[in-house]
């Protein structure tokens, strides 16, 4: 239950949740980057440049974690404005 003396307690809790999701996202991205054959590197038409592409599909759970981050941030904004 939100403290009636602090109208921003609930948005603050949502922001803390977003921070936890961002940390989870960063850990998952770091693990993905360490997987073998993630990157495809080819020569560019410009001398001395290369093109690096992600050669594997991103894990589906990254989409969910990114959604959770955005949802928490949007909800925090909604509650702060209300």
N, C-alpha and C. Protein backbone atom coordinates (compact mmCIF):
# COMPACT_ATOMS: atom_id res chain seq x y z
N UNK A 1 0.84 -1.17 0.00
CA UNK A 1 0.00 0.00 0.00
C UNK A 1 0.88 1.23 0.00
N UNK A 2 0.57 2.18 -0.84
CA UNK A 2 1.37 3.39 -0.98
C UNK A 2 1.23 4.27 0.26
N UNK A 3 2.31 4.90 0.64
CA UNK A 3 2.32 5.84 1.74
C UNK A 3 1.61 7.12 1.29
N UNK A 4 0.57 7.52 2.02
CA UNK A 4 -0.21 8.70 1.62
C UNK A 4 0.61 9.98 1.71
N UNK A 5 1.70 9.98 2.49
CA UNK A 5 2.54 11.17 2.60
C UNK A 5 3.49 11.31 1.42
N UNK A 6 3.68 10.26 0.66
CA UNK A 6 4.58 10.29 -0.48
C UNK A 6 3.82 9.89 -1.74
N UNK A 7 3.31 10.86 -2.48
CA UNK A 7 2.52 10.51 -3.67
C UNK A 7 3.35 9.86 -4.78
N UNK A 8 4.67 9.91 -4.67
CA UNK A 8 5.52 9.33 -5.70
C UNK A 8 6.13 8.00 -5.29
N UNK A 9 5.61 7.41 -4.21
CA UNK A 9 6.14 6.12 -3.78
C UNK A 9 5.90 5.04 -4.83
N UNK A 10 4.70 4.96 -5.36
CA UNK A 10 4.38 3.94 -6.34
C UNK A 10 5.19 4.11 -7.63
N UNK A 11 5.26 5.33 -8.20
CA UNK A 11 6.11 5.49 -9.39
C UNK A 11 7.58 5.14 -9.11
N UNK A 12 8.03 5.47 -7.91
CA UNK A 12 9.42 5.17 -7.55
C UNK A 12 9.65 3.66 -7.52
N UNK A 13 8.67 2.92 -7.00
CA UNK A 13 8.79 1.46 -6.99
C UNK A 13 8.82 0.90 -8.41
N UNK A 14 8.02 1.48 -9.29
CA UNK A 14 8.03 1.05 -10.69
C UNK A 14 9.37 1.35 -11.35
N UNK A 15 9.95 2.49 -11.04
CA UNK A 15 11.27 2.83 -11.58
C UNK A 15 12.32 1.84 -11.09
N UNK A 16 12.22 1.45 -9.82
CA UNK A 16 13.15 0.44 -9.29
C UNK A 16 12.98 -0.89 -10.01
N UNK A 17 11.73 -1.23 -10.33
CA UNK A 17 11.48 -2.45 -11.10
C UNK A 17 12.10 -2.36 -12.48
N UNK A 18 11.99 -1.18 -13.11
CA UNK A 18 12.60 -0.99 -14.43
C UNK A 18 14.11 -1.16 -14.36
N UNK A 19 14.71 -0.64 -13.29
CA UNK A 19 16.17 -0.78 -13.14
C UNK A 19 16.55 -2.26 -13.04
N UNK A 20 15.77 -3.03 -12.28
CA UNK A 20 16.06 -4.47 -12.18
C UNK A 20 15.93 -5.16 -13.53
N UNK A 21 14.92 -4.78 -14.31
CA UNK A 21 14.76 -5.37 -15.64
C UNK A 21 15.91 -4.96 -16.57
N UNK A 22 16.37 -3.73 -16.46
CA UNK A 22 17.50 -3.28 -17.28
C UNK A 22 18.74 -4.08 -16.94
N UNK A 23 18.97 -4.31 -15.66
CA UNK A 23 20.13 -5.12 -15.24
C UNK A 23 20.02 -6.53 -15.79
N UNK A 24 18.82 -7.11 -15.75
CA UNK A 24 18.60 -8.45 -16.31
C UNK A 24 18.85 -8.45 -17.82
N UNK A 25 18.39 -7.40 -18.49
CA UNK A 25 18.59 -7.28 -19.93
C UNK A 25 20.07 -7.24 -20.26
N UNK A 26 20.82 -6.44 -19.51
CA UNK A 26 22.26 -6.33 -19.77
C UNK A 26 22.97 -7.66 -19.58
N UNK A 27 22.59 -8.42 -18.55
CA UNK A 27 23.20 -9.73 -18.30
C UNK A 27 22.90 -10.68 -19.46
N UNK A 28 21.65 -10.67 -19.92
CA UNK A 28 21.25 -11.56 -21.01
C UNK A 28 21.93 -11.19 -22.33
N UNK A 29 22.08 -9.90 -22.59
CA UNK A 29 22.77 -9.46 -23.81
C UNK A 29 24.24 -9.86 -23.75
N UNK A 30 24.86 -9.68 -22.60
CA UNK A 30 26.27 -10.07 -22.45
C UNK A 30 26.45 -11.57 -22.68
N UNK A 31 25.53 -12.37 -22.17
CA UNK A 31 25.61 -13.82 -22.38
C UNK A 31 25.41 -14.16 -23.85
N UNK A 32 24.47 -13.50 -24.50
CA UNK A 32 24.24 -13.73 -25.93
C UNK A 32 25.47 -13.39 -26.75
N UNK A 33 26.12 -12.28 -26.42
CA UNK A 33 27.30 -11.85 -27.17
C UNK A 33 28.45 -12.84 -27.05
N UNK A 34 28.47 -13.64 -25.99
CA UNK A 34 29.54 -14.61 -25.78
C UNK A 34 29.29 -15.94 -26.50
N UNK A 35 28.09 -16.12 -27.02
CA UNK A 35 27.79 -17.36 -27.74
C UNK A 35 28.62 -17.43 -29.02
N UNK A 36 28.97 -18.66 -29.45
CA UNK A 36 29.74 -18.80 -30.69
C UNK A 36 28.93 -18.40 -31.92
N UNK A 37 29.63 -17.86 -32.88
CA UNK A 37 29.07 -17.50 -34.19
C UNK A 37 27.91 -16.51 -34.11
N UNK A 38 28.01 -15.57 -33.17
CA UNK A 38 26.97 -14.54 -33.05
C UNK A 38 27.17 -13.48 -34.13
N UNK A 39 28.42 -13.17 -34.43
CA UNK A 39 28.73 -12.08 -35.36
C UNK A 39 29.13 -12.60 -36.72
N UNK A 40 28.69 -11.89 -37.75
CA UNK A 40 29.12 -12.14 -39.12
C UNK A 40 29.88 -10.89 -39.57
N UNK A 41 31.15 -11.06 -39.89
CA UNK A 41 31.98 -9.92 -40.27
C UNK A 41 32.37 -10.06 -41.73
N UNK A 42 32.12 -8.99 -42.51
CA UNK A 42 32.48 -8.98 -43.92
C UNK A 42 33.22 -7.69 -44.24
N UNK A 43 33.97 -7.72 -45.32
CA UNK A 43 34.70 -6.52 -45.75
C UNK A 43 33.72 -5.52 -46.33
N UNK A 44 34.00 -4.25 -46.09
CA UNK A 44 33.18 -3.17 -46.63
C UNK A 44 33.73 -2.76 -47.99
N UNK A 45 32.94 -2.02 -48.74
CA UNK A 45 33.42 -1.50 -50.01
C UNK A 45 34.43 -0.36 -49.78
N UNK A 46 34.42 0.21 -48.58
CA UNK A 46 35.40 1.25 -48.23
C UNK A 46 36.64 0.58 -47.67
N UNK A 47 37.82 1.00 -48.11
CA UNK A 47 39.05 0.38 -47.63
C UNK A 47 39.21 0.54 -46.11
N UNK A 48 39.62 -0.53 -45.46
CA UNK A 48 39.89 -0.51 -44.03
C UNK A 48 38.66 -0.63 -43.15
N UNK A 49 37.49 -0.78 -43.73
CA UNK A 49 36.26 -0.90 -42.94
C UNK A 49 35.70 -2.31 -43.09
N UNK A 50 35.04 -2.76 -42.02
CA UNK A 50 34.36 -4.05 -42.04
C UNK A 50 32.91 -3.83 -41.59
N UNK A 51 32.06 -4.73 -41.96
CA UNK A 51 30.66 -4.69 -41.56
C UNK A 51 30.42 -5.87 -40.63
N UNK A 52 29.94 -5.59 -39.43
CA UNK A 52 29.62 -6.64 -38.46
C UNK A 52 28.10 -6.71 -38.33
N UNK A 53 27.57 -7.91 -38.48
CA UNK A 53 26.13 -8.13 -38.35
C UNK A 53 25.88 -9.22 -37.32
N UNK A 54 24.73 -9.13 -36.68
CA UNK A 54 24.34 -10.21 -35.77
C UNK A 54 23.85 -11.36 -36.65
N UNK A 55 24.52 -12.50 -36.54
CA UNK A 55 24.23 -13.63 -37.42
C UNK A 55 23.19 -14.58 -36.83
N UNK A 56 22.91 -14.46 -35.55
CA UNK A 56 21.93 -15.33 -34.91
C UNK A 56 20.73 -14.50 -34.48
N UNK A 57 19.56 -15.09 -34.45
CA UNK A 57 18.40 -14.35 -33.95
C UNK A 57 18.54 -14.05 -32.46
N UNK A 58 18.02 -12.90 -32.06
CA UNK A 58 18.05 -12.55 -30.64
C UNK A 58 17.15 -13.50 -29.87
N UNK A 59 17.53 -13.85 -28.65
CA UNK A 59 16.69 -14.74 -27.85
C UNK A 59 15.32 -14.07 -27.57
N UNK A 60 14.24 -14.83 -27.64
CA UNK A 60 12.91 -14.26 -27.43
C UNK A 60 12.74 -13.60 -26.06
N UNK A 61 13.45 -14.11 -25.05
CA UNK A 61 13.28 -13.52 -23.72
C UNK A 61 13.78 -12.08 -23.65
N UNK A 62 14.67 -11.69 -24.58
CA UNK A 62 15.11 -10.30 -24.60
C UNK A 62 13.95 -9.36 -24.94
N UNK A 63 13.07 -9.81 -25.82
CA UNK A 63 11.89 -9.00 -26.15
C UNK A 63 11.01 -8.81 -24.92
N UNK A 64 10.83 -9.87 -24.15
CA UNK A 64 9.99 -9.80 -22.96
C UNK A 64 10.60 -8.88 -21.91
N UNK A 65 11.90 -8.99 -21.70
CA UNK A 65 12.55 -8.15 -20.70
C UNK A 65 12.49 -6.68 -21.14
N UNK A 66 12.71 -6.42 -22.43
CA UNK A 66 12.62 -5.05 -22.94
C UNK A 66 11.19 -4.52 -22.76
N UNK A 67 10.20 -5.35 -23.02
CA UNK A 67 8.81 -4.94 -22.80
C UNK A 67 8.58 -4.59 -21.33
N UNK A 68 9.11 -5.41 -20.43
CA UNK A 68 8.93 -5.15 -19.00
C UNK A 68 9.55 -3.82 -18.60
N UNK A 69 10.71 -3.50 -19.16
CA UNK A 69 11.35 -2.21 -18.86
C UNK A 69 10.44 -1.06 -19.30
N UNK A 70 9.99 -1.12 -20.55
CA UNK A 70 9.16 -0.04 -21.09
C UNK A 70 7.83 0.05 -20.33
N UNK A 71 7.25 -1.09 -20.00
CA UNK A 71 5.99 -1.09 -19.27
C UNK A 71 6.15 -0.43 -17.90
N UNK A 72 7.21 -0.78 -17.19
CA UNK A 72 7.44 -0.16 -15.88
C UNK A 72 7.65 1.35 -16.00
N UNK A 73 8.42 1.77 -16.99
CA UNK A 73 8.68 3.20 -17.16
C UNK A 73 7.40 3.95 -17.53
N UNK A 74 6.61 3.39 -18.42
CA UNK A 74 5.36 4.04 -18.82
C UNK A 74 4.39 4.11 -17.66
N UNK A 75 4.29 3.03 -16.90
CA UNK A 75 3.40 3.03 -15.75
C UNK A 75 3.84 4.02 -14.69
N UNK A 76 5.15 4.13 -14.48
CA UNK A 76 5.66 5.11 -13.52
C UNK A 76 5.30 6.53 -13.95
N UNK A 77 5.44 6.81 -15.24
CA UNK A 77 5.07 8.12 -15.75
C UNK A 77 3.58 8.39 -15.59
N UNK A 78 2.77 7.40 -15.93
CA UNK A 78 1.30 7.54 -15.77
C UNK A 78 0.94 7.86 -14.32
N UNK A 79 1.53 7.12 -13.39
CA UNK A 79 1.19 7.32 -11.99
C UNK A 79 1.72 8.64 -11.45
N UNK A 80 2.90 9.04 -11.91
CA UNK A 80 3.46 10.31 -11.44
C UNK A 80 2.61 11.49 -11.92
N UNK A 81 2.11 11.41 -13.15
CA UNK A 81 1.29 12.49 -13.69
C UNK A 81 -0.08 12.51 -13.04
N UNK A 82 -0.63 11.33 -12.73
CA UNK A 82 -1.94 11.26 -12.13
C UNK A 82 -1.92 11.93 -10.76
